[in-house]
C-alpha atoms as a PDB file:
ATOM      1  CA  UNK A   1      25.574   1.807 -16.859  1.00  0.00           C
ATOM      2  CA  UNK A   2      23.732  -1.510 -17.261  1.00  0.00           C
ATOM      3  CA  UNK A   3      21.675  -3.539 -14.800  1.00  0.00           C
ATOM      4  CA  UNK A   4      20.495  -7.114 -14.687  1.00  0.00           C
ATOM      5  CA  UNK A   5      16.776  -6.697 -15.362  1.00  0.00           C
ATOM      6  CA  UNK A   6      15.625  -9.743 -13.381  1.00  0.00           C
ATOM      7  CA  UNK A   7      17.522  -8.676 -10.277  1.00  0.00           C
ATOM      8  CA  UNK A   8      16.252  -5.115 -10.642  1.00  0.00           C
ATOM      9  CA  UNK A   9      12.620  -6.216 -10.897  1.00  0.00           C
ATOM     10  CA  UNK A  10      12.988  -8.259  -7.721  1.00  0.00           C
ATOM     11  CA  UNK A  11      14.455  -5.249  -5.920  1.00  0.00           C
ATOM     12  CA  UNK A  12      11.653  -2.994  -7.190  1.00  0.00           C
ATOM     13  CA  UNK A  13       9.039  -5.437  -5.874  1.00  0.00           C
ATOM     14  CA  UNK A  14      10.812  -5.587  -2.504  1.00  0.00           C
ATOM     15  CA  UNK A  15      10.639  -1.805  -2.195  1.00  0.00           C
ATOM     16  CA  UNK A  16       7.093  -1.266  -3.486  1.00  0.00           C
ATOM     17  CA  UNK A  17       5.923  -0.361  -0.003  1.00  0.00           C
ATOM     18  CA  UNK A  18       8.124   2.752  -0.112  1.00  0.00           C
ATOM     19  CA  UNK A  19       6.172   4.233  -3.032  1.00  0.00           C
ATOM     20  CA  UNK A  20       3.394   6.318  -1.555  1.00  0.00           C
ATOM     21  CA  UNK A  21       1.278   9.297  -2.563  1.00  0.00           C
ATOM     22  CA  UNK A  22       3.432  12.376  -2.096  1.00  0.00           C
ATOM     23  CA  UNK A  23       2.313  15.130   0.245  1.00  0.00           C
ATOM     24  CA  UNK A  24       0.866  18.008  -1.721  1.00  0.00           C
ATOM     25  CA  UNK A  25       3.521  20.698  -1.442  1.00  0.00           C
ATOM     26  CA  UNK A  26       1.593  23.108  -3.658  1.00  0.00           C
ATOM     27  CA  UNK A  27      -2.001  24.034  -4.341  1.00  0.00           C
ATOM     28  CA  UNK A  28      -1.806  23.782  -8.135  1.00  0.00           C
ATOM     29  CA  UNK A  29       1.500  22.093  -8.990  1.00  0.00           C
ATOM     30  CA  UNK A  30       1.445  18.314  -9.088  1.00  0.00           C
ATOM     31  CA  UNK A  31       4.251  15.768  -9.116  1.00  0.00           C
ATOM     32  CA  UNK A  32       6.822  18.152  -7.628  1.00  0.00           C
ATOM     33  CA  UNK A  33       9.942  16.853  -5.930  1.00  0.00           C
ATOM     34  CA  UNK A  34      13.617  17.455  -5.321  1.00  0.00           C
ATOM     35  CA  UNK A  35      15.280  14.669  -7.318  1.00  0.00           C
ATOM     36  CA  UNK A  36      18.365  14.605  -5.115  1.00  0.00           C
ATOM     37  CA  UNK A  37      16.407  14.351  -1.865  1.00  0.00           C
ATOM     38  CA  UNK A  38      14.127  11.673  -3.322  1.00  0.00           C
ATOM     39  CA  UNK A  39      17.064   9.488  -4.357  1.00  0.00           C
ATOM     40  CA  UNK A  40      19.027  10.081  -1.137  1.00  0.00           C
ATOM     41  CA  UNK A  41      16.032   9.299   1.086  1.00  0.00           C
ATOM     42  CA  UNK A  42      15.444   6.072  -0.819  1.00  0.00           C
ATOM     43  CA  UNK A  43      19.079   4.956  -0.652  1.00  0.00           C
ATOM     44  CA  UNK A  44      19.668   6.143   2.908  1.00  0.00           C
ATOM     45  CA  UNK A  45      22.843   7.974   1.861  1.00  0.00           C
ATOM     46  CA  UNK A  46      23.714  11.213   0.090  1.00  0.00           C
ATOM     47  CA  UNK A  47      24.586  10.388  -3.517  1.00  0.00           C
ATOM     48  CA  UNK A  48      22.922  13.280  -5.360  1.00  0.00           C
ATOM     49  CA  UNK A  49      23.127  17.012  -4.631  1.00  0.00           C
ATOM     50  CA  UNK A  50      19.921  18.296  -3.063  1.00  0.00           C
ATOM     51  CA  UNK A  51      18.220  21.589  -3.843  1.00  0.00           C
ATOM     52  CA  UNK A  52      19.554  21.754  -7.400  1.00  0.00           C
ATOM     53  CA  UNK A  53      17.394  19.560  -9.638  1.00  0.00           C
ATOM     54  CA  UNK A  54      13.605  19.522  -9.321  1.00  0.00           C
ATOM     55  CA  UNK A  55      10.849  17.956 -11.416  1.00  0.00           C
ATOM     56  CA  UNK A  56       7.091  18.452 -11.671  1.00  0.00           C
ATOM     57  CA  UNK A  57       4.044  18.433 -13.898  1.00  0.00           C
ATOM     58  CA  UNK A  58       3.204  21.663 -15.748  1.00  0.00           C
ATOM     59  CA  UNK A  59       3.119  24.622 -13.330  1.00  0.00           C
ATOM     60  CA  UNK A  60       0.921  26.813 -15.563  1.00  0.00           C
ATOM     61  CA  UNK A  61      -1.902  27.156 -13.028  1.00  0.00           C
ATOM     62  CA  UNK A  62       0.348  27.800 -10.035  1.00  0.00           C
ATOM     63  CA  UNK A  63      -1.305  30.073  -7.486  1.00  0.00           C
ATOM     64  CA  UNK A  64       0.366  33.216  -6.152  1.00  0.00           C
ATOM     65  CA  UNK A  65       1.348  31.208  -3.079  1.00  0.00           C
ATOM     66  CA  UNK A  66       2.773  28.415  -5.256  1.00  0.00           C
ATOM     67  CA  UNK A  67       4.807  30.905  -7.242  1.00  0.00           C
ATOM     68  CA  UNK A  68       6.188  32.508  -4.124  1.00  0.00           C
ATOM     69  CA  UNK A  69       7.217  29.149  -2.674  1.00  0.00           C
ATOM     70  CA  UNK A  70       8.989  28.153  -5.891  1.00  0.00           C
ATOM     71  CA  UNK A  71      11.030  31.353  -5.832  1.00  0.00           C
ATOM     72  CA  UNK A  72      11.638  31.833  -2.127  1.00  0.00           C
ATOM     73  CA  UNK A  73      11.477  28.425  -0.431  1.00  0.00           C
ATOM     74  CA  UNK A  74      13.008  26.293  -3.185  1.00  0.00           C
ATOM     75  CA  UNK A  75      14.994  29.065  -4.829  1.00  0.00           C
ATOM     76  CA  UNK A  76      14.021  28.041  -8.352  1.00  0.00           C
ATOM     77  CA  UNK A  77      16.025  30.129 -10.797  1.00  0.00           C
ATOM     78  CA  UNK A  78      15.040  28.434 -14.049  1.00  0.00           C
ATOM     79  CA  UNK A  79      12.113  26.416 -15.353  1.00  0.00           C
ATOM     80  CA  UNK A  80      12.834  24.072 -18.263  1.00  0.00           C
ATOM     81  CA  UNK A  81       9.680  23.341 -20.270  1.00  0.00           C
ATOM     82  CA  UNK A  82       9.927  20.256 -22.504  1.00  0.00           C
ATOM     83  CA  UNK A  83       6.485  20.491 -24.135  1.00  0.00           C
ATOM     84  CA  UNK A  84       5.566  20.700 -27.814  1.00  0.00           C
ATOM     85  CA  UNK A  85       4.164  23.737 -29.633  1.00  0.00           C
ATOM     86  CA  UNK A  86       0.783  21.978 -29.724  1.00  0.00           C
ATOM     87  CA  UNK A  87       0.801  21.559 -25.956  1.00  0.00           C
ATOM     88  CA  UNK A  88       1.652  25.235 -25.480  1.00  0.00           C
ATOM     89  CA  UNK A  89      -1.172  26.277 -27.799  1.00  0.00           C
ATOM     90  CA  UNK A  90      -3.620  24.003 -26.020  1.00  0.00           C
ATOM     91  CA  UNK A  91      -2.624  25.358 -22.623  1.00  0.00           C
ATOM     92  CA  UNK A  92      -3.036  28.941 -23.857  1.00  0.00           C
ATOM     93  CA  UNK A  93      -6.537  28.065 -25.082  1.00  0.00           C
ATOM     94  CA  UNK A  94      -7.329  26.525 -21.700  1.00  0.00           C
ATOM     95  CA  UNK A  95      -6.195  29.718 -19.952  1.00  0.00           C
ATOM     96  CA  UNK A  96      -8.517  31.761 -22.168  1.00  0.00           C
ATOM     97  CA  UNK A  97     -11.402  29.551 -21.075  1.00  0.00           C
ATOM     98  CA  UNK A  98     -10.440  29.713 -17.405  1.00  0.00           C
ATOM     99  CA  UNK A  99     -10.479  33.516 -17.509  1.00  0.00           C
ATOM    100  CA  UNK A 100     -14.175  33.378 -18.359  1.00  0.00           C
ATOM    101  CA  UNK A 101     -15.046  31.401 -15.214  1.00  0.00           C
ATOM    102  CA  UNK A 102     -15.476  33.776 -12.224  1.00  0.00           C
ATOM    103  CA  UNK A 103     -15.152  30.976  -9.655  1.00  0.00           C
ATOM    104  CA  UNK A 104     -11.712  30.017 -10.977  1.00  0.00           C
ATOM    105  CA  UNK A 105     -10.537  33.627 -10.958  1.00  0.00           C
ATOM    106  CA  UNK A 106     -11.690  34.017  -7.358  1.00  0.00           C
ATOM    107  CA  UNK A 107      -9.904  30.845  -6.268  1.00  0.00           C
ATOM    108  CA  UNK A 108      -6.648  31.666  -8.095  1.00  0.00           C
ATOM    109  CA  UNK A 109      -5.652  35.315  -8.507  1.00  0.00           C
ATOM    110  CA  UNK A 110      -2.624  34.286 -10.563  1.00  0.00           C
ATOM    111  CA  UNK A 111      -4.824  33.304 -13.515  1.00  0.00           C
ATOM    112  CA  UNK A 112      -5.323  36.968 -14.373  1.00  0.00           C
ATOM    113  CA  UNK A 113      -1.565  37.472 -14.655  1.00  0.00           C
ATOM    114  CA  UNK A 114       1.054  36.048 -17.036  1.00  0.00           C
ATOM    115  CA  UNK A 115       1.343  32.271 -17.313  1.00  0.00           C
ATOM    116  CA  UNK A 116       5.098  32.462 -16.835  1.00  0.00           C
ATOM    117  CA  UNK A 117       6.178  33.189 -13.274  1.00  0.00           C
ATOM    118  CA  UNK A 118       7.835  36.613 -12.897  1.00  0.00           C
ATOM    119  CA  UNK A 119      11.378  36.457 -11.557  1.00  0.00           C
ATOM    120  CA  UNK A 120      12.090  33.004 -13.013  1.00  0.00           C
ATOM    121  CA  UNK A 121      14.017  32.331 -16.233  1.00  0.00           C
ATOM    122  CA  UNK A 122      12.295  30.043 -18.753  1.00  0.00           C
ATOM    123  CA  UNK A 123      13.913  27.598 -21.173  1.00  0.00           C
ATOM    124  CA  UNK A 124      11.557  26.086 -23.746  1.00  0.00           C
ATOM    125  CA  UNK A 125      13.046  22.967 -25.308  1.00  0.00           C
ATOM    126  CA  UNK A 126      10.640  20.825 -27.329  1.00  0.00           C
ATOM    127  CA  UNK A 127      12.326  17.584 -26.400  1.00  0.00           C
ATOM    128  CA  UNK A 128      10.251  15.636 -28.963  1.00  0.00           C
ATOM    129  CA  UNK A 129      11.131  17.873 -31.899  1.00  0.00           C
ATOM    130  CA  UNK A 130      11.135  17.490 -35.678  1.00  0.00           C
ATOM    131  CA  UNK A 131      13.213  14.330 -35.726  1.00  0.00           C
ATOM    132  CA  UNK A 132      10.816  12.596 -33.354  1.00  0.00           C
ATOM    133  CA  UNK A 133       7.790  13.781 -35.351  1.00  0.00           C
ATOM    134  CA  UNK A 134       9.307  12.455 -38.585  1.00  0.00           C
ATOM    135  CA  UNK A 135      10.030   9.090 -36.963  1.00  0.00           C
ATOM    136  CA  UNK A 136       6.351   8.746 -36.096  1.00  0.00           C
ATOM    137  CA  UNK A 137       5.197   9.785 -39.564  1.00  0.00           C
ATOM    138  CA  UNK A 138       7.485   7.203 -41.167  1.00  0.00           C
ATOM    139  CA  UNK A 139       5.557   4.473 -39.365  1.00  0.00           C
ATOM    140  CA  UNK A 140       2.220   5.470 -40.909  1.00  0.00           C
ATOM    141  CA  UNK A 141       0.566   3.929 -43.943  1.00  0.00           C
ATOM    142  CA  UNK A 142       0.462   6.150 -47.029  1.00  0.00           C
ATOM    143  CA  UNK A 143      -3.290   6.674 -46.629  1.00  0.00           C
ATOM    144  CA  UNK A 144      -2.967   7.730 -42.987  1.00  0.00           C
ATOM    145  CA  UNK A 145      -0.124  10.061 -43.885  1.00  0.00           C
ATOM    146  CA  UNK A 146      -2.291  11.753 -46.509  1.00  0.00           C
ATOM    147  CA  UNK A 147      -5.113  12.171 -43.977  1.00  0.00           C
ATOM    148  CA  UNK A 148      -2.721  13.886 -41.585  1.00  0.00           C
ATOM    149  CA  UNK A 149      -1.560  16.242 -44.349  1.00  0.00           C
ATOM    150  CA  UNK A 150      -5.192  17.072 -45.109  1.00  0.00           C
ATOM    151  CA  UNK A 151      -6.076  17.801 -41.482  1.00  0.00           C
ATOM    152  CA  UNK A 152      -2.991  19.972 -41.068  1.00  0.00           C
ATOM    153  CA  UNK A 153      -3.853  21.941 -44.192  1.00  0.00           C
ATOM    154  CA  UNK A 154      -7.331  22.751 -42.907  1.00  0.00           C
ATOM    155  CA  UNK A 155      -6.031  23.658 -39.455  1.00  0.00           C
ATOM    156  CA  UNK A 156      -7.291  20.564 -37.621  1.00  0.00           C
ATOM    157  CA  UNK A 157      -4.015  19.822 -35.867  1.00  0.00           C
ATOM    158  CA  UNK A 158      -5.580  17.808 -33.036  1.00  0.00           C
ATOM    159  CA  UNK A 159      -7.308  15.451 -35.486  1.00  0.00           C
ATOM    160  CA  UNK A 160      -3.990  14.915 -37.233  1.00  0.00           C
ATOM    161  CA  UNK A 161      -2.253  14.183 -33.932  1.00  0.00           C
ATOM    162  CA  UNK A 162      -5.005  11.724 -32.934  1.00  0.00           C
ATOM    163  CA  UNK A 163      -4.205   9.640 -36.041  1.00  0.00           C
ATOM    164  CA  UNK A 164      -0.566   9.471 -34.941  1.00  0.00           C
ATOM    165  CA  UNK A 165      -1.738   8.608 -31.451  1.00  0.00           C
ATOM    166  CA  UNK A 166      -3.994   5.723 -32.450  1.00  0.00           C
ATOM    167  CA  UNK A 167      -1.865   4.245 -35.212  1.00  0.00           C
ATOM    168  CA  UNK A 168       1.708   4.800 -33.995  1.00  0.00           C
ATOM    169  CA  UNK A 169       2.072   6.035 -30.414  1.00  0.00           C
ATOM    170  CA  UNK A 170      -0.463   3.649 -28.859  1.00  0.00           C
ATOM    171  CA  UNK A 171       1.155   0.513 -30.373  1.00  0.00           C
ATOM    172  CA  UNK A 172       4.633   1.768 -29.461  1.00  0.00           C
ATOM    173  CA  UNK A 173       3.682   2.314 -25.822  1.00  0.00           C
ATOM    174  CA  UNK A 174       5.583   4.461 -23.347  1.00  0.00           C
ATOM    175  CA  UNK A 175       8.683   2.273 -23.448  1.00  0.00           C
ATOM    176  CA  UNK A 176       8.797   2.200 -27.248  1.00  0.00           C
ATOM    177  CA  UNK A 177       8.361   5.965 -27.376  1.00  0.00           C
ATOM    178  CA  UNK A 178      11.226   6.223 -24.904  1.00  0.00           C
ATOM    179  CA  UNK A 179      13.408   4.320 -27.384  1.00  0.00           C
ATOM    180  CA  UNK A 180      12.234   6.670 -30.145  1.00  0.00           C
ATOM    181  CA  UNK A 181      13.131   9.702 -28.046  1.00  0.00           C
ATOM    182  CA  UNK A 182      16.629   8.318 -27.522  1.00  0.00           C
ATOM    183  CA  UNK A 183      17.047   7.653 -31.245  1.00  0.00           C
ATOM    184  CA  UNK A 184      15.516  10.810 -32.686  1.00  0.00           C
ATOM    185  CA  UNK A 185      15.793  13.557 -30.043  1.00  0.00           C
ATOM    186  CA  UNK A 186      19.551  13.639 -29.539  1.00  0.00           C
ATOM    187  CA  UNK A 187      19.978  17.297 -30.461  1.00  0.00           C
ATOM    188  CA  UNK A 188      17.244  18.397 -28.061  1.00  0.00           C
ATOM    189  CA  UNK A 189      18.446  16.108 -25.253  1.00  0.00           C
ATOM    190  CA  UNK A 190      22.011  17.436 -25.612  1.00  0.00           C
ATOM    191  CA  UNK A 191      20.662  21.003 -25.510  1.00  0.00           C
ATOM    192  CA  UNK A 192      18.708  20.256 -22.346  1.00  0.00           C
ATOM    193  CA  UNK A 193      21.680  18.589 -20.641  1.00  0.00           C
ATOM    194  CA  UNK A 194      23.928  21.517 -21.528  1.00  0.00           C
ATOM    195  CA  UNK A 195      21.407  23.858 -19.932  1.00  0.00           C
ATOM    196  CA  UNK A 196      21.737  21.891 -16.690  1.00  0.00           C
ATOM    197  CA  UNK A 197      25.435  22.744 -16.376  1.00  0.00           C
ATOM    198  CA  UNK A 198      24.998  26.505 -16.789  1.00  0.00           C
ATOM    199  CA  UNK A 199      25.565  27.824 -13.228  1.00  0.00           C
ATOM    200  CA  UNK A 200      23.034  30.651 -13.524  1.00  0.00           C
ATOM    201  CA  UNK A 201      20.266  28.143 -14.374  1.00  0.00           C
ATOM    202  CA  UNK A 202      20.477  26.462 -10.964  1.00  0.00           C
ATOM    203  CA  UNK A 203      18.345  25.518  -9.102  1.00  0.00           C
ATOM    204  CA  UNK A 204      16.281  24.268 -12.046  1.00  0.00           C
ATOM    205  CA  UNK A 205      12.790  22.783 -12.323  1.00  0.00           C
ATOM    206  CA  UNK A 206      12.176  20.454 -15.287  1.00  0.00           C
ATOM    207  CA  UNK A 207       8.660  19.675 -16.473  1.00  0.00           C
ATOM    208  CA  UNK A 208       6.630  18.524 -19.457  1.00  0.00           C
ATOM    209  CA  UNK A 209       2.851  18.030 -19.185  1.00  0.00           C
ATOM    210  CA  UNK A 210       2.640  15.276 -16.595  1.00  0.00           C
ATOM    211  CA  UNK A 211       6.290  15.467 -15.595  1.00  0.00           C
ATOM    212  CA  UNK A 212       6.857  11.726 -15.849  1.00  0.00           C
ATOM    213  CA  UNK A 213       8.125  10.454 -19.229  1.00  0.00           C
ATOM    214  CA  UNK A 214       9.997  13.205 -21.097  1.00  0.00           C
ATOM    215  CA  UNK A 215      11.025  14.713 -17.775  1.00  0.00           C
ATOM    216  CA  UNK A 216      11.750  11.210 -16.516  1.00  0.00           C
ATOM    217  CA  UNK A 217      14.068  10.447 -19.437  1.00  0.00           C
ATOM    218  CA  UNK A 218      16.151  13.563 -18.883  1.00  0.00           C
ATOM    219  CA  UNK A 219      16.346  12.943 -15.134  1.00  0.00           C
ATOM    220  CA  UNK A 220      17.214   9.269 -15.686  1.00  0.00           C
ATOM    221  CA  UNK A 221      20.134  10.186 -17.968  1.00  0.00           C
ATOM    222  CA  UNK A 222      21.559  12.425 -15.242  1.00  0.00           C
ATOM    223  CA  UNK A 223      21.124   9.691 -12.628  1.00  0.00           C
ATOM    224  CA  UNK A 224      22.639   7.024 -14.895  1.00  0.00           C
ATOM    225  CA  UNK A 225      25.752   9.195 -15.168  1.00  0.00           C
ATOM    226  CA  UNK A 226      25.897   9.431 -11.378  1.00  0.00           C
ATOM    227  CA  UNK A 227      25.795   5.600 -11.177  1.00  0.00           C
ATOM    228  CA  UNK A 228      22.565   5.610  -9.173  1.00  0.00           C
ATOM    229  CA  UNK A 229      21.042   2.111  -8.837  1.00  0.00           C
ATOM    230  CA  UNK A 230      18.166   1.265 -11.183  1.00  0.00           C
ATOM    231  CA  UNK A 231      15.882   0.599  -8.232  1.00  0.00           C
ATOM    232  CA  UNK A 232      16.344   4.137  -6.924  1.00  0.00           C
ATOM    233  CA  UNK A 233      15.757   5.701 -10.360  1.00  0.00           C
ATOM    234  CA  UNK A 234      12.670   3.533 -10.773  1.00  0.00           C
ATOM    235  CA  UNK A 235      11.427   4.610  -7.351  1.00  0.00           C
ATOM    236  CA  UNK A 236      11.673   8.259  -8.411  1.00  0.00           C
ATOM    237  CA  UNK A 237       9.931   7.535 -11.740  1.00  0.00           C
ATOM    238  CA  UNK A 238       7.063   5.544 -10.207  1.00  0.00           C
ATOM    239  CA  UNK A 239       6.287   8.307  -7.707  1.00  0.00           C
ATOM    240  CA  UNK A 240       4.724  10.201 -10.608  1.00  0.00           C
ATOM    241  CA  UNK A 241       1.828   7.752 -10.873  1.00  0.00           C
ATOM    242  CA  UNK A 242       0.528   8.432  -7.376  1.00  0.00           C
ATOM    243  CA  UNK A 243       1.463  12.123  -7.472  1.00  0.00           C
ATOM    244  CA  UNK A 244      -0.728  12.657 -10.553  1.00  0.00           C
ATOM    245  CA  UNK A 245      -3.837  10.964  -9.141  1.00  0.00           C
ATOM    246  CA  UNK A 246      -5.630  14.241  -8.216  1.00  0.00           C
ATOM    247  CA  UNK A 247      -5.939  15.091 -11.912  1.00  0.00           C
ATOM    248  CA  UNK A 248      -6.213  11.589 -13.331  1.00  0.00           C
ATOM    249  CA  UNK A 249      -9.677  12.044 -14.842  1.00  0.00           C
ATOM    250  CA  UNK A 250      -8.782  15.255 -16.653  1.00  0.00           C
ATOM    251  CA  UNK A 251      -5.500  13.729 -17.806  1.00  0.00           C
ATOM    252  CA  UNK A 252      -7.337  10.695 -19.208  1.00  0.00           C
ATOM    253  CA  UNK A 253      -9.592  13.017 -21.188  1.00  0.00           C
ATOM    254  CA  UNK A 254      -6.586  14.871 -22.623  1.00  0.00           C
ATOM    255  CA  UNK A 255      -4.884  11.593 -23.499  1.00  0.00           C
ATOM    256  CA  UNK A 256      -7.998  10.216 -25.194  1.00  0.00           C
ATOM    257  CA  UNK A 257      -8.221  13.348 -27.369  1.00  0.00           C
ATOM    258  CA  UNK A 258      -4.942  12.398 -29.023  1.00  0.00           C
ATOM    259  CA  UNK A 259      -5.893   8.752 -29.522  1.00  0.00           C
ATOM    260  CA  UNK A 260      -4.141   7.191 -26.540  1.00  0.00           C
ATOM    261  CA  UNK A 261      -5.328   4.727 -23.901  1.00  0.00           C
ATOM    262  CA  UNK A 262      -5.337   5.120 -20.141  1.00  0.00           C
ATOM    263  CA  UNK A 263      -2.012   3.297 -19.773  1.00  0.00           C
ATOM    264  CA  UNK A 264      -0.374   6.517 -20.982  1.00  0.00           C
ATOM    265  CA  UNK A 265      -1.429   8.134 -17.716  1.00  0.00           C
ATOM    266  CA  UNK A 266       0.531   5.537 -15.768  1.00  0.00           C
ATOM    267  CA  UNK A 267       4.169   4.534 -15.269  1.00  0.00           C
ATOM    268  CA  UNK A 268       5.382   1.141 -16.572  1.00  0.00           C
ATOM    269  CA  UNK A 269       7.227  -0.587 -13.735  1.00  0.00           C
ATOM    270  CA  UNK A 270      10.063  -1.682 -16.030  1.00  0.00           C
ATOM    271  CA  UNK A 271      10.441   1.671 -17.855  1.00  0.00           C
ATOM    272  CA  UNK A 272      13.815   2.601 -16.318  1.00  0.00           C
ATOM    273  CA  UNK A 273      15.205  -0.922 -16.705  1.00  0.00           C
ATOM    274  CA  UNK A 274      14.196  -1.079 -20.361  1.00  0.00           C
ATOM    275  CA  UNK A 275      15.592   2.376 -21.144  1.00  0.00           C
ATOM    276  CA  UNK A 276      18.899   1.410 -19.542  1.00  0.00           C
ATOM    277  CA  UNK A 277      18.945  -1.914 -21.394  1.00  0.00           C
ATOM    278  CA  UNK A 278      18.329  -0.143 -24.703  1.00  0.00           C
ATOM    279  CA  UNK A 279      21.116   2.357 -24.068  1.00  0.00           C
ATOM    280  CA  UNK A 280      23.457  -0.519 -23.218  1.00  0.00           C
ATOM    281  CA  UNK A 281      22.613  -2.673 -26.208  1.00  0.00           C
ATOM    282  CA  UNK A 282      22.647   0.093 -28.825  1.00  0.00           C
ATOM    283  CA  UNK A 283      25.245   2.548 -27.511  1.00  0.00           C
ATOM    284  CA  UNK A 284      27.258   0.638 -24.916  1.00  0.00           C
ATOM    285  CA  UNK A 285      25.583   2.595 -22.106  1.00  0.00           C
ATOM    286  CA  UNK A 286      24.603   6.137 -21.218  1.00  0.00           C
ATOM    287  CA  UNK A 287      28.074   7.578 -21.829  1.00  0.00           C
ATOM    288  CA  UNK A 288      28.238   6.062 -25.306  1.00  0.00           C
ATOM    289  CA  UNK A 289      24.837   7.519 -26.083  1.00  0.00           C
ATOM    290  CA  UNK A 290      25.889  10.995 -24.943  1.00  0.00           C
ATOM    291  CA  UNK A 291      28.987  10.853 -27.171  1.00  0.00           C
ATOM    292  CA  UNK A 292      26.753   9.882 -30.104  1.00  0.00           C
ATOM    293  CA  UNK A 293      24.607  13.023 -29.674  1.00  0.00           C
ATOM    294  CA  UNK A 294      27.604  15.347 -29.352  1.00  0.00           C
ATOM    295  CA  UNK A 295      27.629  15.737 -25.577  1.00  0.00           C
ATOM    296  CA  UNK A 296      31.345  15.799 -24.825  1.00  0.00           C
ATOM    297  CA  UNK A 297      33.316  14.096 -22.077  1.00  0.00           C
ATOM    298  CA  UNK A 298      34.152  17.500 -20.616  1.00  0.00           C
ATOM    299  CA  UNK A 299      30.449  18.400 -20.507  1.00  0.00           C
ATOM    300  CA  UNK A 300      29.725  15.046 -18.892  1.00  0.00           C
ATOM    301  CA  UNK A 301      32.321  15.713 -16.199  1.00  0.00           C
ATOM    302  CA  UNK A 302      30.732  19.101 -15.504  1.00  0.00           C
ATOM    303  CA  UNK A 303      27.270  17.522 -15.289  1.00  0.00           C
ATOM    304  CA  UNK A 304      28.509  14.920 -12.795  1.00  0.00           C
ATOM    305  CA  UNK A 305      30.278  17.587 -10.725  1.00  0.00           C
ATOM    306  CA  UNK A 306      27.121  19.700 -10.701  1.00  0.00           C
ATOM    307  CA  UNK A 307      24.779  17.019  -9.379  1.00  0.00           C
ATOM    308  CA  UNK A 308      27.017  14.679  -7.372  1.00  0.00           C
ATOM    309  CA  UNK A 309      26.664  15.109  -3.599  1.00  0.00           C
END
């Protein structure tokens, strides 16, 4: 599926007024939405199945009420977590700190319980796995590579990651990192897509940390297969910027810790268009890309049947 980028940008600008701050559906889960409903409301017609595919930022601090709504109101059966091991370790450390703050415990009883929500199946797929990590390391100078090895050896993982952030990820930008994910995360992307067609996993909630870029790539691939217009996919992607505003300051601090600028908290307006262009130029489109990562035509047909209205 390929779009004319100039026409798409014009259409995105025409529909900017439709992108608003989402109503807060939850107390402690940001950037949550039903992908199908979001696309259908934008297009004014039912093109994507509703109540099956959801996206959000990390739900780790979900309150008891939030957890109940996920299970009972939205019927979430499975949560797919796309974060790295480092992100999981950092979140666990944050939870340890939160447990020492009485005010937080009083405001959120769920903090004293398990981070994973009882009654929901969890799939942990590090979408930016070893191949992606190696692709970043290959872009480093020899001296910077040796510094990273040193910091890893002494257990200073965050300092090592900040070198990658400053010297590789920041220059690549969100769009460039999207290209890198396409090129080096095929095995993990295929695994995630296969999980979407397992009947017992539905309805499914996909998230990473902010729920915009890694989550956005996986969602975009599904929507490309369903032949959804670029403007509608972009509309869904850009909603993340306003939906994440309540935690912008804390997100900026987290981003700065790994050597990245504030633009990494935002959503490039041409992200979807550029991802689609890259898929078209390098693989002949989304379907060609999926064949290249071992996602079969039969699996593609099942994915389309699962999420087509």
